[in-house]
C-alpha atoms as a PDB file:
ATOM      1  CA  MET A   1       0.000   0.000   0.000  1.00  0.00           C
ATOM      2  CA  SER A   2       1.271   3.458  -0.816  1.00  0.00           C
ATOM      3  CA  ALA A   3       2.004   6.076   1.833  1.00  0.00           C
ATOM      4  CA  ARG A   4      -0.873   8.143   0.449  1.00  0.00           C
ATOM      5  CA  ALA A   5      -3.357   5.276   0.821  1.00  0.00           C
ATOM      6  CA  LEU A   6      -2.168   4.615   4.376  1.00  0.00           C
ATOM      7  CA  ALA A   7      -2.577   8.289   5.262  1.00  0.00           C
ATOM      8  CA  LEU A   8      -6.129   8.293   3.848  1.00  0.00           C
ATOM      9  CA  LEU A   9      -6.975   5.109   5.734  1.00  0.00           C
ATOM     10  CA  ALA A  10      -5.663   6.618   8.984  1.00  0.00           C
ATOM     11  CA  LEU A  11      -7.745   9.731   8.359  1.00  0.00           C
ATOM     12  CA  LEU A  12     -10.966   7.783   7.702  1.00  0.00           C
ATOM     13  CA  ALA A  13     -10.564   5.121  10.421  1.00  0.00           C
ATOM     14  CA  PRO A  14     -12.260   7.208  13.167  1.00  0.00           C
ATOM     15  CA  LEU A  15     -15.353   7.488  10.948  1.00  0.00           C
ATOM     16  CA  ALA A  16     -15.851   3.708  10.642  1.00  0.00           C
ATOM     17  CA  PRO A  17     -18.433   3.519  13.476  1.00  0.00           C
ATOM     18  CA  LEU A  18     -20.627   5.969  11.556  1.00  0.00           C
ATOM     19  CA  ALA A  19     -20.817   3.761   8.460  1.00  0.00           C
ATOM     20  CA  GLY A  20     -24.098   2.165   9.580  1.00  0.00           C
ATOM     21  CA  CYS A  21     -25.846   5.499  10.189  1.00  0.00           C
ATOM     22  CA  ALA A  22     -26.761   6.191   6.566  1.00  0.00           C
ATOM     23  CA  PRO A  23     -28.338   3.886   4.025  1.00  0.00           C
ATOM     24  CA  SER A  24     -26.048   2.359   1.465  1.00  0.00           C
ATOM     25  CA  LEU A  25     -26.727   3.640  -2.004  1.00  0.00           C
ATOM     26  CA  LEU A  26     -28.096   1.465  -4.761  1.00  0.00           C
ATOM     27  CA  GLY A  27     -27.245   2.005  -8.397  1.00  0.00           C
ATOM     28  CA  ALA A  28     -29.971   3.504 -10.591  1.00  0.00           C
ATOM     29  CA  GLY A  29     -31.055   0.135 -12.007  1.00  0.00           C
ATOM     30  CA  ALA A  30     -31.092  -1.618  -8.630  1.00  0.00           C
ATOM     31  CA  ARG A  31     -32.976   1.304  -7.060  1.00  0.00           C
ATOM     32  CA  ALA A  32     -35.598   1.294  -9.807  1.00  0.00           C
ATOM     33  CA  ALA A  33     -36.108  -2.475  -9.453  1.00  0.00           C
ATOM     34  CA  ALA A  34     -36.322  -2.229  -5.657  1.00  0.00           C
ATOM     35  CA  ALA A  35     -38.798   0.678  -5.867  1.00  0.00           C
ATOM     36  CA  GLU A  36     -40.952  -1.216  -8.373  1.00  0.00           C
ATOM     37  CA  GLY A  37     -41.062  -4.299  -6.140  1.00  0.00           C
ATOM     38  CA  LEU A  38     -41.820  -2.214  -3.054  1.00  0.00           C
ATOM     39  CA  ALA A  39     -44.683  -0.455  -4.860  1.00  0.00           C
ATOM     40  CA  ARG A  40     -46.093  -3.825  -5.965  1.00  0.00           C
ATOM     41  CA  ARG A  41     -45.971  -5.170  -2.386  1.00  0.00           C
ATOM     42  CA  GLY A  42     -47.617  -2.000  -1.101  1.00  0.00           C
ATOM     43  CA  GLU A  43     -50.454  -2.356  -3.609  1.00  0.00           C
ATOM     44  CA  ALA A  44     -50.919  -5.993  -2.536  1.00  0.00           C
ATOM     45  CA  LEU A  45     -51.254  -4.899   1.100  1.00  0.00           C
ATOM     46  CA  LEU A  46     -54.006  -2.493   0.085  1.00  0.00           C
ATOM     47  CA  ALA A  47     -55.981  -5.318  -1.560  1.00  0.00           C
ATOM     48  CA  PRO A  48     -59.133  -6.569   0.203  1.00  0.00           C
ATOM     49  CA  ALA A  49     -58.747  -7.463   3.883  1.00  0.00           C
ATOM     50  CA  ASP A  50     -58.817 -11.203   3.215  1.00  0.00           C
ATOM     51  CA  ALA A  51     -55.618 -10.935   1.145  1.00  0.00           C
ATOM     52  CA  PRO A  52     -52.905 -13.226   2.518  1.00  0.00           C
ATOM     53  CA  GLY A  53     -49.748 -11.813   4.014  1.00  0.00           C
ATOM     54  CA  ALA A  54     -51.121  -8.573   5.473  1.00  0.00           C
ATOM     55  CA  PRO A  55     -49.207  -7.827   8.681  1.00  0.00           C
ATOM     56  CA  GLY A  56     -51.077  -7.289  11.930  1.00  0.00           C
ATOM     57  CA  GLY A  57     -51.409  -4.107  13.952  1.00  0.00           C
ATOM     58  CA  ASP A  58     -47.725  -3.144  14.105  1.00  0.00           C
ATOM     59  CA  PRO A  59     -46.372  -0.207  12.032  1.00  0.00           C
ATOM     60  CA  VAL A  60     -42.819  -1.556  12.303  1.00  0.00           C
ATOM     61  CA  GLY A  61     -44.006  -4.961  11.053  1.00  0.00           C
ATOM     62  CA  LEU A  62     -45.709  -3.318   8.084  1.00  0.00           C
ATOM     63  CA  ALA A  63     -42.558  -1.401   7.111  1.00  0.00           C
ATOM     64  CA  ARG A  64     -40.446  -4.529   7.512  1.00  0.00           C
ATOM     65  CA  ALA A  65     -42.865  -6.569   5.380  1.00  0.00           C
ATOM     66  CA  LEU A  66     -42.381  -4.059   2.574  1.00  0.00           C
ATOM     67  CA  TYR A  67     -38.596  -3.722   2.807  1.00  0.00           C
ATOM     68  CA  ASP A  68     -37.511  -7.243   3.789  1.00  0.00           C
ATOM     69  CA  ALA A  69     -39.230  -8.908   0.827  1.00  0.00           C
ATOM     70  CA  ASP A  70     -36.511  -7.509  -1.472  1.00  0.00           C
ATOM     71  CA  PRO A  71     -32.954  -8.814  -1.021  1.00  0.00           C
ATOM     72  CA  ALA A  72     -31.538  -5.378  -1.881  1.00  0.00           C
ATOM     73  CA  LEU A  73     -33.634  -3.757   0.859  1.00  0.00           C
ATOM     74  CA  ALA A  74     -33.619  -6.509   3.463  1.00  0.00           C
ATOM     75  CA  HIS A  75     -32.155  -5.483   6.798  1.00  0.00           C
ATOM     76  CA  ARG A  76     -32.689  -1.753   6.166  1.00  0.00           C
ATOM     77  CA  LEU A  77     -34.771  -1.746   9.341  1.00  0.00           C
ATOM     78  CA  ARG A  78     -32.820  -4.385  11.248  1.00  0.00           C
ATOM     79  CA  GLY A  79     -32.527  -2.271  14.408  1.00  0.00           C
ATOM     80  CA  ALA A  80     -36.085  -0.927  14.338  1.00  0.00           C
ATOM     81  CA  LEU A  81     -38.170  -2.422  17.115  1.00  0.00           C
ATOM     82  CA  ARG A  82     -40.460   0.534  17.861  1.00  0.00           C
ATOM     83  CA  VAL A  83     -42.001   3.388  15.873  1.00  0.00           C
ATOM     84  CA  GLU A  84     -39.511   5.734  17.546  1.00  0.00           C
ATOM     85  CA  ASP A  85     -36.736   3.714  15.879  1.00  0.00           C
ATOM     86  CA  LEU A  86     -38.368   4.226  12.473  1.00  0.00           C
ATOM     87  CA  ARG A  87     -38.448   7.992  13.027  1.00  0.00           C
ATOM     88  CA  GLY A  88     -34.634   8.029  13.011  1.00  0.00           C
ATOM     89  CA  ALA A  89     -34.101   5.432  10.262  1.00  0.00           C
ATOM     90  CA  GLY A  90     -32.179   6.336   7.124  1.00  0.00           C
ATOM     91  CA  VAL A  91     -31.432   9.952   6.297  1.00  0.00           C
ATOM     92  CA  ARG A  92     -33.662  12.982   5.827  1.00  0.00           C
ATOM     93  CA  ARG A  93     -34.758  13.318   2.189  1.00  0.00           C
ATOM     94  CA  GLY A  94     -33.584  16.624   0.758  1.00  0.00           C
ATOM     95  CA  GLY A  95     -35.777  16.911  -2.328  1.00  0.00           C
ATOM     96  CA  ARG A  96     -39.104  15.457  -3.372  1.00  0.00           C
ATOM     97  CA  PRO A  97     -39.993  12.109  -1.753  1.00  0.00           C
ATOM     98  CA  GLN A  98     -39.488   8.974  -3.817  1.00  0.00           C
ATOM     99  CA  VAL A  99     -40.966   5.480  -3.822  1.00  0.00           C
ATOM    100  CA  GLY A 100     -39.640   3.644  -0.782  1.00  0.00           C
ATOM    101  CA  ASP A 101     -39.262   6.700   1.434  1.00  0.00           C
ATOM    102  CA  LEU A 102     -40.691   6.623   4.926  1.00  0.00           C
ATOM    103  CA  LEU A 103     -43.222   9.345   5.784  1.00  0.00           C
ATOM    104  CA  VAL A 104     -43.195  10.334   9.458  1.00  0.00           C
ATOM    105  CA  PHE A 105     -46.240  12.027  10.984  1.00  0.00           C
ATOM    106  CA  ARG A 106     -46.708  14.016  14.202  1.00  0.00           C
ATOM    107  CA  PRO A 107     -46.974  11.616  17.134  1.00  0.00           C
ATOM    108  CA  LEU A 108     -50.505  12.397  18.301  1.00  0.00           C
ATOM    109  CA  PRO A 109     -53.089  10.095  19.892  1.00  0.00           C
ATOM    110  CA  GLU A 110     -55.275   8.129  17.473  1.00  0.00           C
ATOM    111  CA  THR A 111     -53.027   9.024  14.508  1.00  0.00           C
ATOM    112  CA  LEU A 112     -51.194   7.059  11.849  1.00  0.00           C
ATOM    113  CA  GLU A 113     -47.500   7.269  12.753  1.00  0.00           C
ATOM    114  CA  VAL A 114     -45.517   6.242   9.658  1.00  0.00           C
ATOM    115  CA  ALA A 115     -46.207   5.224   6.057  1.00  0.00           C
ATOM    116  CA  VAL A 116     -44.099   3.967   3.140  1.00  0.00           C
ATOM    117  CA  VAL A 117     -44.359   5.783  -0.221  1.00  0.00           C
ATOM    118  CA  ILE A 118     -45.530   3.426  -2.992  1.00  0.00           C
ATOM    119  CA  ALA A 119     -46.099   6.079  -5.694  1.00  0.00           C
ATOM    120  CA  ALA A 120     -44.773   9.613  -6.180  1.00  0.00           C
ATOM    121  CA  ARG A 121     -45.921  12.040  -8.861  1.00  0.00           C
ATOM    122  CA  GLY A 122     -44.388  15.434  -8.194  1.00  0.00           C
ATOM    123  CA  ALA A 123     -45.799  16.748  -4.928  1.00  0.00           C
ATOM    124  CA  ARG A 124     -48.486  14.057  -4.747  1.00  0.00           C
ATOM    125  CA  LEU A 125     -47.640  10.913  -2.830  1.00  0.00           C
ATOM    126  CA  ARG A 126     -49.419   7.633  -2.350  1.00  0.00           C
ATOM    127  CA  ALA A 127     -48.300   5.550   0.605  1.00  0.00           C
ATOM    128  CA  VAL A 128     -49.330   2.581   2.706  1.00  0.00           C
ATOM    129  CA  GLY A 129     -49.493   2.797   6.477  1.00  0.00           C
ATOM    130  CA  LEU A 130     -51.166   1.088   9.392  1.00  0.00           C
ATOM    131  CA  LEU A 131     -54.256   2.886  10.666  1.00  0.00           C
ATOM    132  CA  ARG A 132     -56.462   1.347  13.341  1.00  0.00           C
ATOM    133  CA  GLY A 133     -54.681  -1.983  12.913  1.00  0.00           C
ATOM    134  CA  ALA A 134     -55.112  -2.404   9.154  1.00  0.00           C
ATOM    135  CA  PRO A 135     -53.037  -1.402   6.104  1.00  0.00           C
ATOM    136  CA  ARG A 136     -54.506   1.763   4.602  1.00  0.00           C
ATOM    137  CA  GLU A 137     -53.837   3.960   1.612  1.00  0.00           C
ATOM    138  CA  VAL A 138     -52.444   7.383   2.547  1.00  0.00           C
ATOM    139  CA  VAL A 139     -52.574  10.232   0.028  1.00  0.00           C
ATOM    140  CA  VAL A 140     -50.441  13.326   0.661  1.00  0.00           C
ATOM    141  CA  ASP A 141     -50.241  16.487  -1.428  1.00  0.00           C
ATOM    142  CA  LEU A 142     -47.155  18.433  -0.371  1.00  0.00           C
ATOM    143  CA  ASP A 143     -48.295  21.544  -2.265  1.00  0.00           C
ATOM    144  CA  ALA A 144     -51.715  21.658  -0.567  1.00  0.00           C
ATOM    145  CA  PRO A 145     -51.350  20.010   2.861  1.00  0.00           C
ATOM    146  CA  ALA A 146     -54.611  21.400   4.297  1.00  0.00           C
ATOM    147  CA  VAL A 147     -56.834  20.519   1.297  1.00  0.00           C
ATOM    148  CA  ARG A 148     -58.931  17.353   1.637  1.00  0.00           C
ATOM    149  CA  ARG A 149     -60.365  17.128  -1.892  1.00  0.00           C
ATOM    150  CA  ASP A 150     -60.139  18.825  -5.249  1.00  0.00           C
ATOM    151  CA  GLY A 151     -63.456  17.920  -6.853  1.00  0.00           C
ATOM    152  CA  ALA A 152     -63.639  14.131  -6.775  1.00  0.00           C
ATOM    153  CA  GLU A 153     -59.884  13.683  -6.301  1.00  0.00           C
ATOM    154  CA  VAL A 154     -58.535  13.097  -2.784  1.00  0.00           C
ATOM    155  CA  ARG A 155     -55.583  15.399  -2.098  1.00  0.00           C
ATOM    156  CA  ASN A 156     -54.927  14.400   1.546  1.00  0.00           C
ATOM    157  CA  THR A 157     -56.228  11.422   3.499  1.00  0.00           C
ATOM    158  CA  TYR A 158     -57.671  11.704   6.979  1.00  0.00           C
ATOM    159  CA  ILE A 159     -55.176   9.919   9.218  1.00  0.00           C
ATOM    160  CA  ARG A 160     -56.788  11.050  12.434  1.00  0.00           C
ATOM    161  CA  LYS A 161     -60.369  11.276  13.596  1.00  0.00           C
ATOM    162  CA  ALA A 162     -61.895  14.620  12.659  1.00  0.00           C
ATOM    163  CA  HIS A 163     -63.205  14.934  16.206  1.00  0.00           C
ATOM    164  CA  PRO A 164     -60.871  13.040  18.545  1.00  0.00           C
ATOM    165  CA  SER A 165     -62.338  11.622  21.707  1.00  0.00           C
ATOM    166  CA  PRO A 166     -61.905  13.665  24.894  1.00  0.00           C
ATOM    167  CA  ALA A 167     -59.797  10.774  26.207  1.00  0.00           C
ATOM    168  CA  ALA A 168     -57.238  11.587  23.502  1.00  0.00           C
ATOM    169  CA  GLY A 169     -56.542  14.841  25.357  1.00  0.00           C
ATOM    170  CA  ALA A 170     -57.000  17.195  22.417  1.00  0.00           C
ATOM    171  CA  ASP A 171     -59.347  20.042  21.618  1.00  0.00           C
ATOM    172  CA  ALA A 172     -61.200  19.432  18.337  1.00  0.00           C
ATOM    173  CA  ALA A 173     -60.576  23.041  17.210  1.00  0.00           C
ATOM    174  CA  GLU A 174     -56.795  22.573  17.234  1.00  0.00           C
ATOM    175  CA  CYS A 175     -56.592  19.048  15.844  1.00  0.00           C
ATOM    176  CA  PRO A 176     -55.126  18.694  12.373  1.00  0.00           C
ATOM    177  CA  CYS A 177     -56.480  15.577  10.719  1.00  0.00           C
ATOM    178  CA  LEU A 178     -55.085  15.463   7.187  1.00  0.00           C
ATOM    179  CA  ALA A 179     -51.913  13.639   6.191  1.00  0.00           C
ATOM    180  CA  GLY A 180     -50.343  16.755   4.695  1.00  0.00           C
ATOM    181  CA  GLU A 181     -50.937  18.737   7.881  1.00  0.00           C
ATOM    182  CA  LEU A 182     -49.427  16.055  10.097  1.00  0.00           C
ATOM    183  CA  LEU A 183     -46.392  15.167   7.948  1.00  0.00           C
ATOM    184  CA  VAL A 184     -43.197  16.180   9.764  1.00  0.00           C
ATOM    185  CA  ASP A 185     -40.390  14.270   8.052  1.00  0.00           C
ATOM    186  CA  VAL A 186     -39.446  12.162   5.040  1.00  0.00           C
ATOM    187  CA  ARG A 187     -36.714   9.536   5.551  1.00  0.00           C
ATOM    188  CA  ALA A 188     -34.784   7.945   2.671  1.00  0.00           C
ATOM    189  CA  LEU A 189     -33.827   4.323   3.337  1.00  0.00           C
ATOM    190  CA  PHE A 190     -32.247   3.484  -0.042  1.00  0.00           C
END
């Protein structure tokens, strides 16, 4: 090994423990194939309730079911045991969300906590998340987060009861209910 290579290795050695903090990058072809497979699995989870293979009432289990089915994505959530672990997974997405990104919502009572993007068309996202124990479609419009519908087209899905129960500890007047209003972060896992 050259002296230059040894110097570079000595410089980078202290950073080795941080290597697992960010997702490893996939090439364009591998990313496209992984995103296509993830979108297909997400659509299957949104099929009728009697569809086989739908995970139970665990948001982490739902995310794992989507990611672990692809060898290129398996183990992306290996350390995630709780929803709080998912909130810190991957890295924050800088630009527009892409298929496979994890949407993180405000942690409020009776609210969907996380969802996985299965389709992205500009500012409009379609995702699958676990709401009230079942996989549900989540629609988010980043350009109009407080708009429910535009004619017949859904712009943002309700991911929280419009009038939460008093036991939830929230005043109905100050309770955002739409996915766009409650979205706080987008995490890139691949």
